[in-house]
């Protein structure tokens, strides 16, 4: 039913290489965000750092809303052997999920563009 995982296999080596690349970029992102936080708090003070934290939190919430949980569904579907072997995951799902994420992101971006003054007034107390 399942093939054993062999390190000598070229497909397995490819998975390890791509997985380590993803891990490297994820670690680089964490380090960069950490040093940006230190830089902002040291040179701009607590008020700007507070705004930075609020903006970062809002962006993370909007990412969750824009992706609609499709990344979790992709992991679930890719682990299902029957779904993956049928080829449906490779052709249909990726196209539809990218389209949904793209449309959702555009809708959220347009909404934020038109509500930017409201957000500036009520969240950040700017004029």
N, C-alpha and C. Protein backbone atom coordinates (compact mmCIF):
# COMPACT_ATOMS: atom_id res chain seq x y z
N UNK A 1 0.82 -1.19 0.00
CA UNK A 1 0.00 0.00 0.00
C UNK A 1 0.87 1.25 0.00
N UNK A 2 1.80 1.37 0.92
CA UNK A 2 2.70 2.50 0.97
C UNK A 2 4.11 2.05 0.64
N UNK A 3 4.84 2.89 -0.08
CA UNK A 3 6.23 2.58 -0.39
C UNK A 3 7.11 3.03 0.78
N UNK A 4 8.14 2.25 1.10
CA UNK A 4 9.02 2.65 2.20
C UNK A 4 9.82 3.89 1.82
N UNK A 5 10.14 4.68 2.83
CA UNK A 5 10.89 5.91 2.64
C UNK A 5 12.38 5.58 2.63
N UNK A 6 13.02 5.75 1.47
CA UNK A 6 14.44 5.45 1.33
C UNK A 6 15.18 6.75 1.03
N UNK A 7 16.25 6.97 1.74
CA UNK A 7 17.03 8.19 1.55
C UNK A 7 17.74 8.17 0.19
N UNK A 8 18.11 7.02 -0.32
CA UNK A 8 18.80 6.92 -1.59
C UNK A 8 17.92 7.22 -2.79
N UNK A 9 16.63 7.20 -2.60
CA UNK A 9 15.68 7.45 -3.68
C UNK A 9 15.76 8.93 -4.09
N UNK A 10 15.78 9.21 -5.40
CA UNK A 10 15.90 10.60 -5.86
C UNK A 10 14.67 11.42 -5.51
N UNK A 11 13.50 10.79 -5.50
CA UNK A 11 12.29 11.51 -5.12
C UNK A 11 12.35 11.91 -3.65
N UNK A 12 12.84 11.03 -2.80
CA UNK A 12 12.98 11.34 -1.38
C UNK A 12 14.01 12.44 -1.15
N UNK A 13 15.09 12.40 -1.89
CA UNK A 13 16.10 13.46 -1.77
C UNK A 13 15.53 14.80 -2.22
N UNK A 14 14.70 14.77 -3.25
CA UNK A 14 14.06 16.00 -3.73
C UNK A 14 13.12 16.57 -2.67
N UNK A 15 12.38 15.70 -2.00
CA UNK A 15 11.48 16.14 -0.93
C UNK A 15 12.29 16.76 0.21
N UNK A 16 13.39 16.13 0.58
CA UNK A 16 14.22 16.65 1.66
C UNK A 16 14.83 18.00 1.28
N UNK A 17 15.29 18.15 0.04
CA UNK A 17 15.88 19.41 -0.41
C UNK A 17 14.84 20.53 -0.38
N UNK A 18 13.65 20.26 -0.92
CA UNK A 18 12.61 21.30 -0.95
C UNK A 18 12.09 21.61 0.45
N UNK A 19 11.99 20.57 1.28
CA UNK A 19 11.55 20.80 2.66
C UNK A 19 12.55 21.61 3.45
N UNK A 20 13.83 21.36 3.23
CA UNK A 20 14.84 22.14 3.94
C UNK A 20 14.88 23.58 3.44
N UNK A 21 14.58 23.79 2.15
CA UNK A 21 14.51 25.15 1.63
C UNK A 21 13.35 25.91 2.26
N UNK A 22 12.21 25.28 2.38
CA UNK A 22 11.05 25.91 3.02
C UNK A 22 11.38 26.23 4.48
N UNK A 23 12.00 25.28 5.17
CA UNK A 23 12.38 25.51 6.56
C UNK A 23 13.37 26.66 6.69
N UNK A 24 14.33 26.75 5.77
CA UNK A 24 15.32 27.83 5.80
C UNK A 24 14.65 29.19 5.63
N UNK A 25 13.71 29.30 4.67
CA UNK A 25 13.01 30.57 4.48
C UNK A 25 12.11 30.90 5.67
N UNK A 26 11.51 29.91 6.28
CA UNK A 26 10.68 30.14 7.46
C UNK A 26 11.54 30.65 8.62
N UNK A 27 12.69 30.03 8.83
CA UNK A 27 13.59 30.47 9.89
C UNK A 27 14.12 31.87 9.62
N UNK A 28 14.45 32.16 8.36
CA UNK A 28 14.91 33.50 7.99
C UNK A 28 13.82 34.54 8.25
N UNK A 29 12.58 34.20 7.96
CA UNK A 29 11.46 35.09 8.22
C UNK A 29 11.33 35.39 9.72
N UNK A 30 11.42 34.36 10.55
CA UNK A 30 11.32 34.56 12.00
C UNK A 30 12.44 35.45 12.52
N UNK A 31 13.65 35.23 12.04
CA UNK A 31 14.79 36.04 12.48
C UNK A 31 14.63 37.48 12.03
N UNK A 32 14.19 37.67 10.80
CA UNK A 32 14.00 39.02 10.27
C UNK A 32 12.93 39.78 11.04
N UNK A 33 11.82 39.15 11.32
CA UNK A 33 10.74 39.79 12.09
C UNK A 33 11.23 40.13 13.50
N UNK A 34 12.02 39.26 14.09
CA UNK A 34 12.56 39.51 15.43
C UNK A 34 13.45 40.75 15.43
N UNK A 35 14.36 40.86 14.47
CA UNK A 35 15.26 42.01 14.43
C UNK A 35 14.54 43.30 14.03
N UNK A 36 13.53 43.20 13.19
CA UNK A 36 12.74 44.38 12.87
C UNK A 36 12.01 44.89 14.11
N UNK A 37 11.49 43.97 14.92
CA UNK A 37 10.81 44.37 16.16
C UNK A 37 11.78 45.08 17.11
N UNK A 38 12.98 44.55 17.24
CA UNK A 38 13.98 45.18 18.09
C UNK A 38 14.35 46.56 17.56
N UNK A 39 14.55 46.66 16.24
CA UNK A 39 14.91 47.94 15.63
C UNK A 39 13.82 48.98 15.83
N UNK A 40 12.57 48.61 15.61
CA UNK A 40 11.47 49.56 15.76
C UNK A 40 11.33 50.00 17.21
N UNK A 41 11.40 49.07 18.13
CA UNK A 41 11.24 49.45 19.54
C UNK A 41 12.40 50.29 20.05
N UNK A 42 13.60 50.06 19.55
CA UNK A 42 14.77 50.80 20.02
C UNK A 42 14.84 52.21 19.44
N UNK A 43 14.58 52.34 18.14
CA UNK A 43 14.78 53.63 17.49
C UNK A 43 13.51 54.48 17.37
N UNK A 44 12.34 53.88 17.45
CA UNK A 44 11.11 54.66 17.27
C UNK A 44 10.23 54.72 18.51
N UNK A 45 10.50 53.92 19.51
CA UNK A 45 9.76 54.00 20.76
C UNK A 45 8.56 53.08 20.83
N UNK A 46 7.91 53.10 22.00
CA UNK A 46 6.81 52.15 22.23
C UNK A 46 5.54 52.45 21.43
N UNK A 47 5.30 53.72 21.10
CA UNK A 47 4.09 54.04 20.35
C UNK A 47 4.13 53.45 18.95
N UNK A 48 5.24 53.60 18.26
CA UNK A 48 5.38 53.07 16.91
C UNK A 48 5.43 51.54 16.95
N UNK A 49 6.08 50.98 17.97
CA UNK A 49 6.11 49.53 18.10
C UNK A 49 4.71 48.96 18.34
N UNK A 50 3.90 49.67 19.11
CA UNK A 50 2.52 49.25 19.32
C UNK A 50 1.72 49.26 18.03
N UNK A 51 1.91 50.30 17.22
CA UNK A 51 1.24 50.36 15.92
C UNK A 51 1.71 49.22 15.01
N UNK A 52 3.00 48.95 15.04
CA UNK A 52 3.56 47.85 14.25
C UNK A 52 2.93 46.52 14.66
N UNK A 53 2.78 46.32 15.95
CA UNK A 53 2.19 45.06 16.44
C UNK A 53 0.72 44.93 16.04
N UNK A 54 -0.02 46.03 16.11
CA UNK A 54 -1.42 46.01 15.71
C UNK A 54 -1.55 45.71 14.22
N UNK A 55 -0.72 46.36 13.41
CA UNK A 55 -0.77 46.14 11.97
C UNK A 55 -0.41 44.69 11.64
N UNK A 56 0.61 44.16 12.30
CA UNK A 56 1.02 42.78 12.07
C UNK A 56 -0.10 41.82 12.44
N UNK A 57 -0.79 42.08 13.54
CA UNK A 57 -1.90 41.22 13.96
C UNK A 57 -3.06 41.30 12.97
N UNK A 58 -3.39 42.49 12.50
CA UNK A 58 -4.46 42.65 11.52
C UNK A 58 -4.14 41.93 10.21
N UNK A 59 -2.89 42.01 9.78
CA UNK A 59 -2.50 41.33 8.55
C UNK A 59 -2.63 39.82 8.71
N UNK A 60 -2.23 39.28 9.86
CA UNK A 60 -2.36 37.84 10.09
C UNK A 60 -3.82 37.40 10.10
N UNK A 61 -4.70 38.20 10.69
CA UNK A 61 -6.12 37.87 10.69
C UNK A 61 -6.68 37.91 9.28
N UNK A 62 -6.28 38.91 8.49
CA UNK A 62 -6.77 39.02 7.12
C UNK A 62 -6.23 37.88 6.24
N UNK A 63 -5.03 37.40 6.52
CA UNK A 63 -4.50 36.25 5.77
C UNK A 63 -5.34 35.02 6.05
N UNK A 64 -5.73 34.83 7.30
CA UNK A 64 -6.57 33.68 7.65
C UNK A 64 -7.91 33.77 6.92
N UNK A 65 -8.49 34.96 6.88
CA UNK A 65 -9.77 35.13 6.20
C UNK A 65 -9.61 34.96 4.69
N UNK A 66 -8.53 35.48 4.12
CA UNK A 66 -8.35 35.42 2.66
C UNK A 66 -8.08 34.01 2.16
N UNK A 67 -7.37 33.20 2.92
CA UNK A 67 -7.06 31.85 2.45
C UNK A 67 -8.19 30.87 2.68
N UNK A 68 -9.14 31.20 3.53
CA UNK A 68 -10.33 30.40 3.78
C UNK A 68 -10.02 28.96 4.21
N UNK A 69 -8.87 28.74 4.82
CA UNK A 69 -8.50 27.40 5.28
C UNK A 69 -8.09 26.45 4.17
N UNK A 70 -7.82 26.98 2.99
CA UNK A 70 -7.47 26.12 1.86
C UNK A 70 -6.10 25.46 2.04
N UNK A 71 -5.19 26.09 2.79
CA UNK A 71 -3.90 25.45 3.02
C UNK A 71 -4.05 24.20 3.88
N UNK A 72 -4.93 24.23 4.85
CA UNK A 72 -5.18 23.04 5.67
C UNK A 72 -5.87 21.96 4.84
N UNK A 73 -6.78 22.36 3.97
CA UNK A 73 -7.44 21.39 3.10
C UNK A 73 -6.45 20.76 2.12
N UNK A 74 -5.50 21.53 1.64
CA UNK A 74 -4.49 20.99 0.73
C UNK A 74 -3.65 19.93 1.43
N UNK A 75 -3.30 20.14 2.68
CA UNK A 75 -2.54 19.14 3.44
C UNK A 75 -3.37 17.89 3.63
N UNK A 76 -4.65 18.06 3.95
CA UNK A 76 -5.53 16.91 4.16
C UNK A 76 -5.70 16.11 2.87
N UNK A 77 -5.92 16.80 1.76
CA UNK A 77 -6.14 16.11 0.50
C UNK A 77 -4.86 15.45 -0.03
N UNK A 78 -3.72 16.09 0.20
CA UNK A 78 -2.48 15.49 -0.29
C UNK A 78 -2.09 14.26 0.51
N UNK A 79 -2.56 14.16 1.75
CA UNK A 79 -2.25 12.97 2.54
C UNK A 79 -3.20 11.82 2.22
N UNK A 80 -4.31 12.09 1.56
CA UNK A 80 -5.24 11.04 1.16
C UNK A 80 -4.71 10.37 -0.11
N UNK A 81 -4.34 9.12 -0.01
CA UNK A 81 -3.70 8.40 -1.11
C UNK A 81 -4.63 8.28 -2.32
N UNK A 82 -5.89 7.96 -2.09
CA UNK A 82 -6.84 7.79 -3.20
C UNK A 82 -7.02 9.09 -3.97
N UNK A 83 -7.12 10.19 -3.26
CA UNK A 83 -7.31 11.49 -3.91
C UNK A 83 -6.05 11.88 -4.68
N UNK A 84 -4.91 11.65 -4.10
CA UNK A 84 -3.65 12.06 -4.73
C UNK A 84 -3.36 11.21 -5.96
N UNK A 85 -3.59 9.90 -5.89
CA UNK A 85 -3.29 9.02 -7.02
C UNK A 85 -4.24 9.22 -8.19
N UNK A 86 -5.43 9.73 -7.94
CA UNK A 86 -6.38 9.96 -9.03
C UNK A 86 -5.98 11.15 -9.90
N UNK A 87 -5.07 12.00 -9.41
CA UNK A 87 -4.61 13.15 -10.19
C UNK A 87 -5.49 14.36 -10.07
N UNK A 88 -6.58 14.25 -9.32
CA UNK A 88 -7.50 15.39 -9.17
C UNK A 88 -6.83 16.50 -8.38
N UNK A 89 -6.04 16.12 -7.39
CA UNK A 89 -5.38 17.13 -6.55
C UNK A 89 -4.44 17.99 -7.38
N UNK A 90 -3.73 17.36 -8.30
CA UNK A 90 -2.74 18.10 -9.07
C UNK A 90 -3.38 19.05 -10.08
N UNK A 91 -4.51 18.69 -10.64
CA UNK A 91 -5.07 19.50 -11.71
C UNK A 91 -6.14 20.47 -11.22
N UNK A 92 -7.20 19.96 -10.66
CA UNK A 92 -8.36 20.78 -10.33
C UNK A 92 -8.19 21.62 -9.07
N UNK A 93 -7.75 20.98 -8.02
CA UNK A 93 -7.76 21.65 -6.72
C UNK A 93 -6.85 22.87 -6.69
N UNK A 94 -5.65 22.75 -7.22
CA UNK A 94 -4.72 23.87 -7.15
C UNK A 94 -5.23 25.08 -7.92
N UNK A 95 -5.78 24.85 -9.11
CA UNK A 95 -6.30 25.96 -9.91
C UNK A 95 -7.45 26.66 -9.19
N UNK A 96 -8.37 25.86 -8.67
CA UNK A 96 -9.53 26.45 -8.00
C UNK A 96 -9.14 27.15 -6.70
N UNK A 97 -8.24 26.56 -5.95
CA UNK A 97 -7.86 27.18 -4.68
C UNK A 97 -7.09 28.48 -4.90
N UNK A 98 -6.19 28.51 -5.90
CA UNK A 98 -5.50 29.76 -6.19
C UNK A 98 -6.46 30.83 -6.66
N UNK A 99 -7.45 30.45 -7.44
CA UNK A 99 -8.45 31.41 -7.90
C UNK A 99 -9.26 31.96 -6.73
N UNK A 100 -9.67 31.09 -5.83
CA UNK A 100 -10.44 31.53 -4.66
C UNK A 100 -9.61 32.45 -3.78
N UNK A 101 -8.36 32.08 -3.53
CA UNK A 101 -7.48 32.93 -2.70
C UNK A 101 -7.24 34.28 -3.38
N UNK A 102 -7.04 34.27 -4.69
CA UNK A 102 -6.81 35.52 -5.43
C UNK A 102 -8.03 36.43 -5.35
N UNK A 103 -9.21 35.88 -5.58
CA UNK A 103 -10.44 36.69 -5.53
C UNK A 103 -10.68 37.19 -4.10
N UNK A 104 -10.49 36.32 -3.11
CA UNK A 104 -10.66 36.74 -1.72
C UNK A 104 -9.69 37.85 -1.32
N UNK A 105 -8.46 37.75 -1.77
CA UNK A 105 -7.46 38.78 -1.46
C UNK A 105 -7.80 40.11 -2.12
N UNK A 106 -8.30 40.05 -3.34
CA UNK A 106 -8.68 41.30 -4.03
C UNK A 106 -9.87 41.96 -3.33
N UNK A 107 -10.85 41.16 -2.91
CA UNK A 107 -12.01 41.73 -2.21
C UNK A 107 -11.57 42.39 -0.90
N UNK A 108 -10.71 41.72 -0.15
CA UNK A 108 -10.23 42.30 1.11
C UNK A 108 -9.41 43.55 0.85
N UNK A 109 -8.57 43.55 -0.20
CA UNK A 109 -7.74 44.71 -0.52
C UNK A 109 -8.60 45.91 -0.91
N UNK A 110 -9.63 45.68 -1.72
CA UNK A 110 -10.52 46.77 -2.12
C UNK A 110 -11.28 47.31 -0.91
N UNK A 111 -11.74 46.41 -0.04
CA UNK A 111 -12.42 46.84 1.18
C UNK A 111 -11.51 47.71 2.04
N UNK A 112 -10.27 47.27 2.23
CA UNK A 112 -9.32 48.05 3.04
C UNK A 112 -8.99 49.39 2.39
N UNK A 113 -8.92 49.41 1.07
CA UNK A 113 -8.62 50.65 0.37
C UNK A 113 -9.71 51.69 0.61
N UNK A 114 -10.96 51.27 0.55
CA UNK A 114 -12.05 52.22 0.72
C UNK A 114 -12.31 52.56 2.19
N UNK A 115 -11.90 51.70 3.11
CA UNK A 115 -12.11 51.95 4.54
C UNK A 115 -10.85 52.40 5.26
N UNK A 116 -9.83 52.85 4.52
CA UNK A 116 -8.57 53.21 5.15
C UNK A 116 -8.69 54.40 6.11
N UNK A 117 -9.53 55.37 5.79
CA UNK A 117 -9.68 56.50 6.71
C UNK A 117 -10.41 56.08 7.98
N UNK A 118 -11.40 55.22 7.84
CA UNK A 118 -12.12 54.72 9.01
C UNK A 118 -11.18 53.92 9.91
N UNK A 119 -10.35 53.09 9.31
CA UNK A 119 -9.39 52.31 10.09
C UNK A 119 -8.39 53.23 10.78
N UNK A 120 -7.92 54.25 10.06
CA UNK A 120 -6.95 55.18 10.65
C UNK A 120 -7.57 55.95 11.82
N UNK A 121 -8.85 56.31 11.71
CA UNK A 121 -9.49 57.08 12.77
C UNK A 121 -9.83 56.23 13.99
N UNK A 122 -10.41 55.06 13.79
CA UNK A 122 -10.90 54.29 14.92
C UNK A 122 -9.86 53.38 15.56
N UNK A 123 -8.92 52.87 14.79
CA UNK A 123 -7.93 51.99 15.38
C UNK A 123 -6.70 52.76 15.84
N UNK A 124 -6.18 53.63 14.97
CA UNK A 124 -4.93 54.31 15.30
C UNK A 124 -5.12 55.74 15.81
N UNK A 125 -6.35 56.24 15.82
CA UNK A 125 -6.67 57.59 16.28
C UNK A 125 -5.90 58.66 15.51
N UNK A 126 -5.73 58.43 14.21
CA UNK A 126 -5.05 59.41 13.34
C UNK A 126 -6.06 60.32 12.68
N UNK A 127 -5.59 61.47 12.26
CA UNK A 127 -6.46 62.41 11.54
C UNK A 127 -6.06 62.45 10.09
